[in-house]
Amino acid sequence: MLKPEQSLAIFMEENLGESEGKMGYGVMRYSPNEVTCVIDSRHAGKQVNDVVDMPHNCPVVANVEEAHKLGADVLILGIAPTGGRLPDPWLAELETALTLGMSLANGLHDDLNARFGHLLKEDQWIWDIRHPGEDPPITSADATRLDNKRVLLIGTDMAIGKMTAGLEIYRWVRNHGQQSTAFLATGQIGITITGRGIPLDGIKIDHAVNAVSTLVTSAAEDDIVFIEGQGSLLHARSSATLALMRGSCPTHFILCHRAGMENLDQMPEVKVPDLKEFIKLNEDLASACGTYPRPKTIGIALKTAHLSDEEAKAAIADLEEQTGLPVTDVVRYGAEKLGRLLISE
């Protein structure tokens, strides 16, 4: 939907600086489109980097009308709340944006074409990213017949950095001579950034494996394929990891984890097990007693933003000693340690 020349305003009302703003953060960090501004009345008049650390800075404004005056063409809904539903207080602002002639990218589950489609004029659009359209064709472990490297990002929790790690390593690999590579998005943020992928959590569970398989086989000509991970085997509300495993038949895993995390964020009653045991669980499940190829976990992408530099380096060294695997924070220290493993094999 997005054209390269279209500028973006990211609607993050009451969520700039909060964990549920991950849609907005992903777009700010990785979208090739210009981000004109962020909308959050709590921080209006500030710059984004006054509130949260981002590689590109832009102003924060109070409402959609101000964003339109700055020249924004497309309004991006910049939150990913639990349940993926649109907050009712946002409806008036979305209607204002469409009335002003802006287009709308919606990563939530709500069907905004159904709600606001009558407001669209020529050259306007509403992109309901989580609405997958037609059911995918039936497949049968088609990815096992591919001879490329298929790298699936797995995690100890939801929102643990799987998309970010995948994009950072993908970029590093491409920038270091491996042009035959692809990043396959499976969530609304990655799809918005890359313009390609499947909204896995919007697909019926009976069709999820087929959708993943179709996506992965579409990149059969690429030597290295990164598949964006979703969910976690540890999380009671997540079933996405198994569909990703079966559909992609991965050859490699990269584990995503946060330094010092002992329990799941939204389910503190769930304790994070020994990471070596958790890695083995993922590899065992993916291979299903040898029925499918057994993936190799090549390293760990560790989130350390909450730590000082000294603490982060110590956490990385400790985890490398515990697991025997290469560990790094791919945002803080770069992706070379993990990316080089894939291009040196």
Protein backbone atom coordinates (compact mmCIF):
# COMPACT_ATOMS: atom_id res chain seq x y z
CA MET A 1 0.00 0.00 0.00
CA LEU A 2 2.70 2.49 0.99
CA LYS A 3 4.56 4.32 -1.76
CA PRO A 4 8.18 5.37 -1.09
CA GLU A 5 7.37 9.06 -1.47
CA GLN A 6 4.55 9.08 1.08
CA SER A 7 5.38 10.62 4.47
CA LEU A 8 4.07 9.16 7.71
CA ALA A 9 2.51 10.36 10.93
CA ILE A 10 2.48 7.76 13.69
CA PHE A 11 -0.52 7.88 16.02
CA MET A 12 0.68 6.88 19.51
CA GLU A 13 -1.70 8.76 21.80
CA GLU A 14 -0.72 8.03 25.44
CA ASN A 15 1.72 5.34 24.29
CA LEU A 16 4.94 7.10 23.26
CA GLY A 17 7.50 5.75 25.70
CA GLU A 18 5.27 2.81 26.68
CA SER A 19 5.78 -0.87 25.83
CA GLU A 20 2.54 -1.07 23.81
CA GLY A 21 3.97 1.44 21.34
CA LYS A 22 6.08 -1.22 19.62
CA MET A 23 4.30 -0.78 16.27
CA GLY A 24 5.33 2.87 16.24
CA TYR A 25 8.87 2.12 17.34
CA GLY A 26 9.31 -0.49 14.62
CA VAL A 27 8.11 1.92 11.92
CA MET A 28 10.30 4.74 13.25
CA ARG A 29 13.35 2.51 13.34
CA TYR A 30 13.00 0.59 10.08
CA SER A 31 10.50 2.11 7.64
CA PRO A 32 12.10 3.53 4.46
CA ASN A 33 9.38 6.21 4.40
CA GLU A 34 9.94 9.60 6.00
CA VAL A 35 8.34 9.92 9.44
CA THR A 36 7.01 13.47 9.64
CA CYS A 37 5.88 13.36 13.26
CA VAL A 38 4.46 11.30 16.11
CA ILE A 39 1.08 12.12 17.65
CA ASP A 40 0.83 11.98 21.45
CA SER A 41 -0.79 14.91 23.26
CA ARG A 42 1.07 14.09 26.49
CA HIS A 43 4.41 14.95 24.90
CA ALA A 44 3.36 17.54 22.30
CA GLY A 45 6.08 20.10 21.67
CA LYS A 46 8.91 17.66 22.40
CA GLN A 47 11.07 15.67 20.02
CA VAL A 48 10.70 11.88 19.97
CA ASN A 49 14.21 11.44 21.40
CA ASP A 50 13.19 13.48 24.45
CA VAL A 51 10.92 10.56 25.33
CA VAL A 52 12.40 7.40 23.81
CA ASP A 53 15.70 6.61 22.08
CA MET A 54 15.27 6.26 18.32
CA PRO A 55 17.84 6.43 15.50
CA HIS A 56 15.84 9.16 13.72
CA ASN A 57 14.31 12.13 15.51
CA CYS A 58 11.06 13.93 14.67
CA PRO A 59 8.60 16.26 16.42
CA VAL A 60 5.74 15.14 18.65
CA VAL A 61 2.42 16.89 17.97
CA ALA A 62 -0.93 16.93 19.78
CA ASN A 63 -3.37 15.76 17.10
CA VAL A 64 -4.01 14.67 13.53
CA GLU A 65 -4.67 18.20 12.29
CA GLU A 66 -1.17 19.29 13.31
CA ALA A 67 0.31 16.23 11.60
CA HIS A 68 -1.57 17.06 8.39
CA LYS A 69 -0.26 20.63 8.46
CA LEU A 70 3.30 19.24 8.63
CA GLY A 71 2.61 17.37 5.38
CA ALA A 72 1.95 13.81 6.54
CA ASP A 73 0.25 11.69 3.86
CA VAL A 74 -0.43 8.48 5.82
CA LEU A 75 -1.51 7.91 9.41
CA ILE A 76 0.03 4.79 10.97
CA LEU A 77 -1.68 3.36 14.05
CA GLY A 78 1.36 2.95 16.25
CA ILE A 79 0.32 0.66 19.09
CA ALA A 80 0.07 -3.09 19.48
CA PRO A 81 -2.08 -3.56 22.61
CA THR A 82 -2.97 -6.91 24.13
CA GLY A 83 -5.85 -8.28 22.06
CA GLY A 84 -5.03 -5.99 19.15
CA ARG A 85 -8.22 -3.90 19.40
CA LEU A 86 -8.67 -0.22 18.55
CA PRO A 87 -9.19 2.06 21.58
CA ASP A 88 -12.56 3.83 21.23
CA PRO A 89 -11.15 7.31 22.03
CA TRP A 90 -9.12 7.12 18.80
CA LEU A 91 -12.11 6.90 16.46
CA ALA A 92 -12.70 10.65 16.11
CA GLU A 93 -9.06 11.31 15.26
CA LEU A 94 -9.07 8.58 12.60
CA GLU A 95 -12.18 10.06 11.03
CA THR A 96 -10.50 13.48 11.02
CA ALA A 97 -7.45 12.06 9.26
CA LEU A 98 -9.53 10.49 6.52
CA THR A 99 -11.64 13.64 6.12
CA LEU A 100 -8.43 15.65 5.66
CA GLY A 101 -7.41 13.32 2.82
CA MET A 102 -4.85 11.17 4.63
CA SER A 103 -4.65 7.41 4.11
CA LEU A 104 -4.57 4.97 7.01
CA ALA A 105 -2.43 1.94 7.89
CA ASN A 106 -4.10 -0.17 10.57
CA GLY A 107 -2.20 -2.97 12.31
CA LEU A 108 -5.03 -3.78 14.73
CA HIS A 109 -7.69 -6.47 14.32
CA ASP A 110 -10.53 -3.99 13.66
CA ASP A 111 -11.88 -3.79 10.10
CA LEU A 112 -11.52 -0.06 9.46
CA ASN A 113 -12.52 -0.36 5.80
CA ALA A 114 -15.91 -1.51 7.03
CA ARG A 115 -16.13 1.34 9.53
CA PHE A 116 -14.66 4.22 7.52
CA GLY A 117 -14.62 3.08 3.89
CA HIS A 118 -17.39 5.52 2.95
CA LEU A 119 -15.06 8.43 3.72
CA LEU A 120 -12.42 7.44 1.15
CA LYS A 121 -11.83 9.66 -1.85
CA GLU A 122 -9.73 9.04 -4.95
CA ASP A 123 -6.15 7.98 -4.15
CA GLN A 124 -7.01 7.38 -0.48
CA TRP A 125 -6.84 3.94 1.08
CA ILE A 126 -7.21 2.06 4.35
CA TRP A 127 -4.78 -0.83 4.78
CA ASP A 128 -6.16 -3.34 7.30
CA ILE A 129 -2.89 -5.22 7.65
CA ARG A 130 -4.20 -8.05 9.82
CA HIS A 131 -6.91 -9.04 7.34
CA PRO A 132 -5.29 -11.78 5.24
CA GLY A 133 -7.81 -12.06 2.39
CA GLU A 134 -8.13 -15.46 0.68
CA ASP A 135 -7.13 -18.68 2.42
CA PRO A 136 -3.66 -19.93 1.37
CA PRO A 137 -3.24 -23.07 -0.76
CA ILE A 138 -2.81 -26.43 0.97
CA THR A 139 0.84 -27.41 1.40
CA SER A 140 2.72 -30.38 2.85
CA ALA A 141 6.10 -29.53 4.40
CA ASP A 142 7.12 -27.97 1.09
CA ALA A 143 9.96 -26.06 2.74
CA THR A 144 11.84 -29.31 3.46
CA ARG A 145 12.59 -29.52 -0.26
CA LEU A 146 14.37 -26.16 -0.31
CA ASP A 147 18.16 -26.03 -0.13
CA ASN A 148 18.56 -22.54 1.34
CA LYS A 149 19.16 -21.44 4.93
CA ARG A 150 15.90 -20.68 6.73
CA VAL A 151 16.49 -18.77 9.96
CA LEU A 152 13.54 -18.62 12.35
CA LEU A 153 13.65 -16.15 15.24
CA ILE A 154 12.33 -17.78 18.44
CA GLY A 155 11.84 -16.18 21.85
CA THR A 156 11.40 -16.73 25.55
CA ASP A 157 8.40 -14.36 25.57
CA MET A 158 6.12 -12.20 23.48
CA ALA A 159 7.51 -8.76 22.47
CA ILE A 160 11.06 -9.91 23.17
CA GLY A 161 12.67 -8.47 20.01
CA LYS A 162 12.23 -11.19 17.39
CA MET A 163 11.37 -8.80 14.56
CA THR A 164 14.08 -6.33 15.56
CA ALA A 165 16.76 -9.01 15.78
CA GLY A 166 15.72 -10.50 12.45
CA LEU A 167 15.80 -7.14 10.66
CA GLU A 168 19.14 -6.14 12.18
CA ILE A 169 20.84 -9.42 11.21
CA TYR A 170 19.18 -9.39 7.77
CA ARG A 171 20.50 -5.86 7.14
CA TRP A 172 23.99 -6.79 8.29
CA VAL A 173 24.08 -9.85 6.04
CA ARG A 174 22.93 -7.83 3.00
CA ASN A 175 25.39 -5.02 3.73
CA HIS A 176 28.24 -7.52 3.85
CA GLY A 177 27.86 -9.03 0.42
CA GLN A 178 25.00 -11.54 0.79
CA GLN A 179 22.42 -9.91 -1.49
CA SER A 180 20.49 -13.14 -2.04
CA THR A 181 18.61 -12.92 1.23
CA ALA A 182 15.08 -12.10 2.36
CA PHE A 183 13.24 -11.04 5.49
CA LEU A 184 9.75 -12.53 5.68
CA ALA A 185 7.37 -10.65 7.95
CA THR A 186 4.68 -12.53 9.86
CA GLY A 187 3.24 -9.65 11.90
CA GLN A 188 1.69 -6.27 11.24
CA ILE A 189 4.81 -4.23 12.05
CA GLY A 190 7.10 -6.19 9.75
CA ILE A 191 4.52 -6.13 6.97
CA THR A 192 4.16 -2.35 7.30
CA ILE A 193 7.94 -1.90 7.11
CA THR A 194 8.68 -4.31 4.27
CA GLY A 195 5.40 -4.30 2.34
CA ARG A 196 5.45 -8.10 2.26
CA GLY A 197 4.39 -10.94 4.53
CA ILE A 198 1.46 -12.59 6.27
CA PRO A 199 -0.53 -11.44 9.32
CA LEU A 200 -0.15 -14.77 11.09
CA ASP A 201 -2.36 -13.93 14.08
CA GLY A 202 -5.19 -12.99 11.69
CA ILE A 203 -5.15 -16.35 9.89
CA LYS A 204 -7.35 -19.29 10.92
CA ILE A 205 -5.29 -21.84 12.79
CA ASP A 206 -6.11 -24.56 10.24
CA HIS A 207 -4.52 -22.42 7.51
CA ALA A 208 -1.58 -20.99 9.46
CA VAL A 209 1.00 -23.60 8.44
CA ASN A 210 -0.08 -23.33 4.81
CA ALA A 211 0.33 -19.55 4.91
CA VAL A 212 3.83 -19.79 6.38
CA SER A 213 4.86 -22.47 3.89
CA THR A 214 3.58 -20.43 0.94
CA LEU A 215 5.47 -17.38 2.17
CA VAL A 216 8.72 -19.28 2.68
CA THR A 217 8.60 -21.11 -0.65
CA SER A 218 8.03 -17.77 -2.39
CA ALA A 219 11.60 -16.93 -1.31
CA ALA A 220 13.08 -20.20 -2.58
CA GLU A 221 15.61 -18.39 -4.78
CA ASP A 222 17.16 -16.57 -1.81
CA ASP A 223 20.16 -18.21 -0.18
CA ILE A 224 19.33 -16.99 3.34
CA VAL A 225 15.76 -16.37 4.51
CA PHE A 226 14.92 -14.79 7.86
CA ILE A 227 11.44 -15.66 9.15
CA GLU A 228 10.04 -13.23 11.71
CA GLY A 229 9.11 -15.09 14.88
CA GLN A 230 5.87 -14.75 16.82
CA GLY A 231 4.99 -15.71 20.36
CA SER A 232 6.83 -18.26 22.47
CA LEU A 233 6.43 -21.90 23.44
CA LEU A 234 6.44 -20.70 27.06
CA HIS A 235 3.44 -18.40 26.65
CA ALA A 236 0.02 -19.92 27.38
CA ARG A 237 -1.74 -17.54 24.97
CA SER A 238 0.54 -18.26 22.00
CA SER A 239 0.22 -20.98 19.35
CA ALA A 240 2.18 -19.21 16.59
CA THR A 241 5.59 -20.80 17.11
CA LEU A 242 4.49 -24.29 16.06
CA ALA A 243 2.90 -23.01 12.84
CA LEU A 244 6.11 -21.16 12.03
CA MET A 245 8.19 -24.25 12.68
CA ARG A 246 6.02 -26.54 10.56
CA GLY A 247 5.57 -24.06 7.74
CA SER A 248 9.17 -22.94 7.42
CA CYS A 249 10.98 -26.18 8.37
CA PRO A 250 13.85 -24.01 9.66
CA THR A 251 17.48 -24.91 9.31
CA HIS A 252 18.61 -22.43 11.97
CA PHE A 253 17.22 -20.75 15.09
CA ILE A 254 18.24 -17.51 16.77
CA LEU A 255 16.89 -17.19 20.31
CA CYS A 256 15.70 -13.78 21.52
CA HIS A 257 15.78 -13.06 25.25
CA ARG A 258 16.01 -10.13 27.68
CA ALA A 259 18.91 -9.96 30.10
CA GLY A 260 17.93 -10.86 33.65
CA MET A 261 14.43 -11.98 32.75
CA GLU A 262 13.27 -14.71 35.12
CA ASN A 263 9.49 -14.70 34.50
CA LEU A 264 7.22 -13.81 31.58
CA ASP A 265 6.18 -10.16 31.50
CA GLN A 266 2.42 -10.63 31.26
CA MET A 267 2.36 -14.00 33.02
CA PRO A 268 4.71 -13.61 35.99
CA GLU A 269 3.62 -16.99 37.32
CA VAL A 270 5.51 -18.58 34.39
CA LYS A 271 9.21 -18.97 35.14
CA VAL A 272 11.76 -18.87 32.31
CA PRO A 273 13.57 -22.24 32.37
CA ASP A 274 17.25 -22.89 31.85
CA LEU A 275 17.97 -21.52 28.37
CA LYS A 276 19.91 -24.60 27.26
CA GLU A 277 16.86 -26.72 28.07
CA PHE A 278 14.55 -24.25 26.33
CA ILE A 279 16.70 -24.28 23.21
CA LYS A 280 16.65 -28.08 23.19
CA LEU A 281 12.84 -28.03 23.53
CA ASN A 282 12.49 -25.83 20.46
CA GLU A 283 14.91 -27.95 18.42
CA ASP A 284 13.21 -31.20 19.52
CA LEU A 285 9.75 -29.88 18.67
CA ALA A 286 10.85 -28.58 15.28
CA SER A 287 12.38 -31.92 14.34
CA ALA A 288 9.54 -34.06 15.79
CA CYS A 289 11.76 -37.08 16.51
CA GLY A 290 13.54 -36.77 13.17
CA THR A 291 10.40 -36.39 11.04
CA TYR A 292 11.63 -32.95 9.93
CA PRO A 293 15.15 -31.51 9.67
CA ARG A 294 16.60 -30.55 13.04
CA PRO A 295 17.43 -26.83 13.17
CA LYS A 296 20.62 -25.59 14.78
CA THR A 297 20.46 -22.72 17.27
CA ILE A 298 23.40 -20.54 16.26
CA GLY A 299 23.20 -17.76 18.84
CA ILE A 300 21.22 -15.50 21.14
CA ALA A 301 20.02 -11.94 20.52
CA LEU A 302 19.90 -10.39 23.99
CA LYS A 303 18.00 -7.19 24.90
CA THR A 304 20.11 -5.08 27.26
CA ALA A 305 18.62 -1.58 26.87
CA HIS A 306 17.73 -1.51 30.57
CA LEU A 307 21.37 -2.08 31.58
CA SER A 308 24.46 0.10 31.62
CA ASP A 309 27.17 -0.67 29.08
CA GLU A 310 29.25 -2.44 31.72
CA GLU A 311 26.26 -4.46 32.95
CA ALA A 312 25.26 -5.36 29.38
CA LYS A 313 28.70 -6.69 28.49
CA ALA A 314 28.79 -8.71 31.69
CA ALA A 315 25.34 -10.18 30.97
CA ILE A 316 26.44 -11.16 27.47
CA ALA A 317 29.61 -12.83 28.76
CA ASP A 318 27.68 -14.70 31.46
CA LEU A 319 25.11 -16.01 28.99
CA GLU A 320 27.79 -17.13 26.56
CA GLU A 321 29.42 -19.09 29.36
CA GLN A 322 26.07 -20.62 30.42
CA THR A 323 24.97 -21.69 26.94
CA GLY A 324 28.16 -22.05 24.93
CA LEU A 325 26.57 -19.92 22.20
CA PRO A 326 27.50 -16.53 20.74
CA VAL A 327 25.45 -13.75 22.38
CA THR A 328 25.06 -10.06 21.54
CA ASP A 329 22.63 -7.16 21.66
CA VAL A 330 22.19 -6.60 17.92
CA VAL A 331 20.85 -3.05 18.35
CA ARG A 332 23.44 -1.90 20.86
CA TYR A 333 26.54 -3.66 19.56
CA GLY A 334 25.63 -4.59 15.99
CA ALA A 335 24.70 -7.87 14.37
CA GLU A 336 28.10 -9.03 13.13
CA LYS A 337 28.60 -11.72 15.78
CA LEU A 338 25.45 -13.54 14.63
CA GLY A 339 25.33 -12.49 10.98
CA ARG A 340 28.84 -13.70 10.24
CA LEU A 341 27.90 -17.20 11.38
CA LEU A 342 25.39 -17.41 8.53
CA ILE A 343 27.62 -16.16 5.71
CA SER A 344 30.71 -18.09 6.84
CA GLU A 345 29.09 -21.57 6.75
